């Protein structure tokens, strides 16, 4: 399942949700201002990062720039507490599933969330074994084209 952490005023969040909706790809949305993030939520995100919390904190965020915190000097638990109390410190959207994380919206990178079944259909549309693919997917090439047209 794809999860998206968003905020209502975030343009990139709306773009990401629209991208998934246009492709009929299911996702769950958590508005980080409406729900309280937990340490477990943050750990689930951080397991995909290269630079830990530095990848997900927005240095342009007002709360980060005005707090004058020395983020590098903070313990991980202090950082968790800071983010939980100040969710606006996070870059948005945070999009992740069981294998991938995307921070922010990028039209090319978001394709990593296309379900494997749909990727197989896309590959099949380019193969020369059309009749075999019709049997394999139990649908015609035209039906497959309609299904993947927005991807």
C-alpha atoms as a PDB file:
ATOM      1  CA  UNK A   1       0.000   0.000   0.000  1.00  0.00           C
ATOM      2  CA  UNK A   2       1.181   3.489  -0.859  1.00  0.00           C
ATOM      3  CA  UNK A   3       1.143   6.087   1.921  1.00  0.00           C
ATOM      4  CA  UNK A   4       1.311   9.841   1.411  1.00  0.00           C
ATOM      5  CA  UNK A   5       1.966  12.311   4.204  1.00  0.00           C
ATOM      6  CA  UNK A   6       0.515  15.653   3.182  1.00  0.00           C
ATOM      7  CA  UNK A   7      -0.700  19.046   4.308  1.00  0.00           C
ATOM      8  CA  UNK A   8      -3.748  20.851   2.882  1.00  0.00           C
ATOM      9  CA  UNK A   9      -1.912  23.870   1.473  1.00  0.00           C
ATOM     10  CA  UNK A  10       0.890  21.891  -0.178  1.00  0.00           C
ATOM     11  CA  UNK A  11       0.796  22.205  -3.982  1.00  0.00           C
ATOM     12  CA  UNK A  12       3.189  19.286  -4.453  1.00  0.00           C
ATOM     13  CA  UNK A  13       0.950  17.123  -2.256  1.00  0.00           C
ATOM     14  CA  UNK A  14      -2.048  17.900  -4.464  1.00  0.00           C
ATOM     15  CA  UNK A  15      -0.021  17.080  -7.591  1.00  0.00           C
ATOM     16  CA  UNK A  16       1.029  13.710  -6.143  1.00  0.00           C
ATOM     17  CA  UNK A  17      -2.527  12.788  -5.126  1.00  0.00           C
ATOM     18  CA  UNK A  18      -3.827  13.810  -8.560  1.00  0.00           C
ATOM     19  CA  UNK A  19      -1.154  11.679 -10.261  1.00  0.00           C
ATOM     20  CA  UNK A  20      -2.268   8.595  -8.321  1.00  0.00           C
ATOM     21  CA  UNK A  21      -5.963   9.319  -8.837  1.00  0.00           C
ATOM     22  CA  UNK A  22      -5.574   9.764 -12.613  1.00  0.00           C
ATOM     23  CA  UNK A  23      -3.981   6.320 -12.746  1.00  0.00           C
ATOM     24  CA  UNK A  24      -6.442   4.666 -10.364  1.00  0.00           C
ATOM     25  CA  UNK A  25      -3.606   3.736  -8.021  1.00  0.00           C
ATOM     26  CA  UNK A  26      -4.805   3.354  -4.450  1.00  0.00           C
ATOM     27  CA  UNK A  27      -3.084   5.198  -1.628  1.00  0.00           C
ATOM     28  CA  UNK A  28      -3.716   6.231   1.931  1.00  0.00           C
ATOM     29  CA  UNK A  29      -3.277   9.848   2.904  1.00  0.00           C
ATOM     30  CA  UNK A  30      -2.288  11.205   6.285  1.00  0.00           C
ATOM     31  CA  UNK A  31      -2.569  14.931   6.831  1.00  0.00           C
ATOM     32  CA  UNK A  32       0.335  15.555   9.182  1.00  0.00           C
ATOM     33  CA  UNK A  33      -1.487  18.545  10.683  1.00  0.00           C
ATOM     34  CA  UNK A  34      -4.612  16.498  11.489  1.00  0.00           C
ATOM     35  CA  UNK A  35      -2.984  13.396  12.913  1.00  0.00           C
ATOM     36  CA  UNK A  36      -0.126  13.208  15.344  1.00  0.00           C
ATOM     37  CA  UNK A  37       2.863  11.420  13.882  1.00  0.00           C
ATOM     38  CA  UNK A  38       4.480   8.772  16.030  1.00  0.00           C
ATOM     39  CA  UNK A  39       8.078   7.692  16.376  1.00  0.00           C
ATOM     40  CA  UNK A  40       7.082   4.505  14.539  1.00  0.00           C
ATOM     41  CA  UNK A  41       5.749   6.592  11.615  1.00  0.00           C
ATOM     42  CA  UNK A  42       9.054   8.436  11.417  1.00  0.00           C
ATOM     43  CA  UNK A  43      11.058   5.227  11.696  1.00  0.00           C
ATOM     44  CA  UNK A  44       9.065   3.738   8.797  1.00  0.00           C
ATOM     45  CA  UNK A  45      10.065   6.703   6.647  1.00  0.00           C
ATOM     46  CA  UNK A  46      13.655   6.980   7.826  1.00  0.00           C
ATOM     47  CA  UNK A  47      14.501   3.380   6.981  1.00  0.00           C
ATOM     48  CA  UNK A  48      14.493   4.448   3.309  1.00  0.00           C
ATOM     49  CA  UNK A  49      16.656   7.563   3.644  1.00  0.00           C
ATOM     50  CA  UNK A  50      20.360   7.852   2.922  1.00  0.00           C
ATOM     51  CA  UNK A  51      21.030  10.748   5.281  1.00  0.00           C
ATOM     52  CA  UNK A  52      18.448   9.988   7.946  1.00  0.00           C
ATOM     53  CA  UNK A  53      16.407  12.843   9.304  1.00  0.00           C
ATOM     54  CA  UNK A  54      18.363  15.380   7.240  1.00  0.00           C
ATOM     55  CA  UNK A  55      16.617  14.052   4.110  1.00  0.00           C
ATOM     56  CA  UNK A  56      13.129  14.714   5.442  1.00  0.00           C
ATOM     57  CA  UNK A  57      13.551  18.005   7.317  1.00  0.00           C
ATOM     58  CA  UNK A  58      12.910  21.173   5.369  1.00  0.00           C
ATOM     59  CA  UNK A  59      15.539  23.772   6.154  1.00  0.00           C
ATOM     60  CA  UNK A  60      13.255  26.355   4.524  1.00  0.00           C
ATOM     61  CA  UNK A  61      10.543  25.590   7.044  1.00  0.00           C
ATOM     62  CA  UNK A  62       9.757  28.563   9.241  1.00  0.00           C
ATOM     63  CA  UNK A  63       9.798  26.470  12.406  1.00  0.00           C
ATOM     64  CA  UNK A  64      13.249  25.085  11.567  1.00  0.00           C
ATOM     65  CA  UNK A  65      14.810  28.391  10.555  1.00  0.00           C
ATOM     66  CA  UNK A  66      13.349  30.314  13.506  1.00  0.00           C
ATOM     67  CA  UNK A  67      14.095  27.672  16.131  1.00  0.00           C
ATOM     68  CA  UNK A  68      17.850  28.035  15.606  1.00  0.00           C
ATOM     69  CA  UNK A  69      18.260  24.427  16.676  1.00  0.00           C
ATOM     70  CA  UNK A  70      21.505  22.648  16.092  1.00  0.00           C
ATOM     71  CA  UNK A  71      19.934  19.626  14.436  1.00  0.00           C
ATOM     72  CA  UNK A  72      23.287  17.885  14.118  1.00  0.00           C
ATOM     73  CA  UNK A  73      23.774  18.085  17.902  1.00  0.00           C
ATOM     74  CA  UNK A  74      20.351  16.617  18.699  1.00  0.00           C
ATOM     75  CA  UNK A  75      19.855  12.977  19.605  1.00  0.00           C
ATOM     76  CA  UNK A  76      17.553  10.893  17.446  1.00  0.00           C
ATOM     77  CA  UNK A  77      14.890  10.916  20.152  1.00  0.00           C
ATOM     78  CA  UNK A  78      15.129  14.715  20.400  1.00  0.00           C
ATOM     79  CA  UNK A  79      14.704  14.940  16.624  1.00  0.00           C
ATOM     80  CA  UNK A  80      11.687  12.617  16.720  1.00  0.00           C
ATOM     81  CA  UNK A  81      10.107  14.734  19.465  1.00  0.00           C
ATOM     82  CA  UNK A  82      10.840  17.949  17.554  1.00  0.00           C
ATOM     83  CA  UNK A  83       9.239  16.620  14.349  1.00  0.00           C
ATOM     84  CA  UNK A  84       6.235  15.188  16.189  1.00  0.00           C
ATOM     85  CA  UNK A  85       5.630  18.558  17.854  1.00  0.00           C
ATOM     86  CA  UNK A  86       6.440  20.509  14.663  1.00  0.00           C
ATOM     87  CA  UNK A  87       5.225  18.490  11.658  1.00  0.00           C
ATOM     88  CA  UNK A  88       5.640  21.539   9.416  1.00  0.00           C
ATOM     89  CA  UNK A  89       9.384  20.881   9.688  1.00  0.00           C
ATOM     90  CA  UNK A  90       8.940  17.958   7.283  1.00  0.00           C
ATOM     91  CA  UNK A  91       9.420  18.173   3.539  1.00  0.00           C
ATOM     92  CA  UNK A  92       6.226  17.249   1.700  1.00  0.00           C
ATOM     93  CA  UNK A  93       4.774  15.125   0.367  1.00  0.00           C
ATOM     94  CA  UNK A  94       6.403  12.048   1.818  1.00  0.00           C
ATOM     95  CA  UNK A  95       5.344   9.137  -0.384  1.00  0.00           C
ATOM     96  CA  UNK A  96       6.313   5.589   0.510  1.00  0.00           C
ATOM     97  CA  UNK A  97       5.370   1.955   0.232  1.00  0.00           C
ATOM     98  CA  UNK A  98       7.092  -1.184   1.496  1.00  0.00           C
ATOM     99  CA  UNK A  99      10.086  -0.653  -0.808  1.00  0.00           C
ATOM    100  CA  UNK A 100      10.364   2.999  -1.860  1.00  0.00           C
ATOM    101  CA  UNK A 101      10.350   6.558  -0.573  1.00  0.00           C
ATOM    102  CA  UNK A 102       9.906   9.740  -2.536  1.00  0.00           C
ATOM    103  CA  UNK A 103      10.391  13.070  -0.816  1.00  0.00           C
ATOM    104  CA  UNK A 104       8.551  15.849  -2.612  1.00  0.00           C
ATOM    105  CA  UNK A 105       6.818  15.479  -5.948  1.00  0.00           C
ATOM    106  CA  UNK A 106       8.780  14.543  -9.037  1.00  0.00           C
ATOM    107  CA  UNK A 107       6.832  13.446 -12.107  1.00  0.00           C
ATOM    108  CA  UNK A 108       9.518  11.017 -13.257  1.00  0.00           C
ATOM    109  CA  UNK A 109      10.415   9.491  -9.905  1.00  0.00           C
ATOM    110  CA  UNK A 110       6.818   8.923  -8.822  1.00  0.00           C
ATOM    111  CA  UNK A 111       6.560   6.196 -11.469  1.00  0.00           C
ATOM    112  CA  UNK A 112       8.367   3.874  -9.047  1.00  0.00           C
ATOM    113  CA  UNK A 113       4.967   3.467  -7.367  1.00  0.00           C
ATOM    114  CA  UNK A 114       3.262   1.995 -10.440  1.00  0.00           C
ATOM    115  CA  UNK A 115       2.080  -1.470  -9.343  1.00  0.00           C
ATOM    116  CA  UNK A 116       4.098  -4.385 -10.726  1.00  0.00           C
ATOM    117  CA  UNK A 117       1.045  -5.831 -12.485  1.00  0.00           C
ATOM    118  CA  UNK A 118       0.578  -2.587 -14.369  1.00  0.00           C
ATOM    119  CA  UNK A 119       4.278  -2.486 -15.269  1.00  0.00           C
ATOM    120  CA  UNK A 120       3.929  -5.983 -16.721  1.00  0.00           C
ATOM    121  CA  UNK A 121       1.007  -4.792 -18.826  1.00  0.00           C
ATOM    122  CA  UNK A 122       3.061  -1.845 -20.061  1.00  0.00           C
ATOM    123  CA  UNK A 123       5.896  -4.153 -21.092  1.00  0.00           C
ATOM    124  CA  UNK A 124       3.424  -6.493 -22.724  1.00  0.00           C
ATOM    125  CA  UNK A 125       2.010  -3.665 -24.837  1.00  0.00           C
ATOM    126  CA  UNK A 126       5.410  -3.386 -26.496  1.00  0.00           C
ATOM    127  CA  UNK A 127       5.997  -7.069 -27.095  1.00  0.00           C
ATOM    128  CA  UNK A 128       5.330  -8.921 -30.325  1.00  0.00           C
ATOM    129  CA  UNK A 129       3.462 -11.827 -28.708  1.00  0.00           C
ATOM    130  CA  UNK A 130       0.082 -10.067 -28.631  1.00  0.00           C
ATOM    131  CA  UNK A 131      -1.995 -13.244 -28.708  1.00  0.00           C
ATOM    132  CA  UNK A 132       0.052 -14.790 -25.895  1.00  0.00           C
ATOM    133  CA  UNK A 133      -0.390 -11.622 -23.836  1.00  0.00           C
ATOM    134  CA  UNK A 134      -4.146 -11.676 -24.480  1.00  0.00           C
ATOM    135  CA  UNK A 135      -4.227 -15.153 -22.908  1.00  0.00           C
ATOM    136  CA  UNK A 136      -1.811 -14.288 -20.116  1.00  0.00           C
ATOM    137  CA  UNK A 137      -3.735 -11.228 -18.930  1.00  0.00           C
ATOM    138  CA  UNK A 138      -7.149 -12.491 -19.994  1.00  0.00           C
ATOM    139  CA  UNK A 139      -7.836  -9.235 -21.824  1.00  0.00           C
ATOM    140  CA  UNK A 140      -7.382  -7.883 -25.299  1.00  0.00           C
ATOM    141  CA  UNK A 141      -4.639  -5.513 -26.375  1.00  0.00           C
ATOM    142  CA  UNK A 142      -7.258  -2.764 -26.636  1.00  0.00           C
ATOM    143  CA  UNK A 143      -8.388  -3.369 -23.045  1.00  0.00           C
ATOM    144  CA  UNK A 144      -4.757  -3.285 -21.911  1.00  0.00           C
ATOM    145  CA  UNK A 145      -4.205  -0.011 -23.802  1.00  0.00           C
ATOM    146  CA  UNK A 146      -7.162   1.597 -22.025  1.00  0.00           C
ATOM    147  CA  UNK A 147      -5.907   0.398 -18.666  1.00  0.00           C
ATOM    148  CA  UNK A 148      -2.416   1.838 -19.072  1.00  0.00           C
ATOM    149  CA  UNK A 149      -3.165   4.940 -21.144  1.00  0.00           C
ATOM    150  CA  UNK A 150      -2.506   7.365 -18.274  1.00  0.00           C
ATOM    151  CA  UNK A 151       0.616   5.682 -17.016  1.00  0.00           C
END
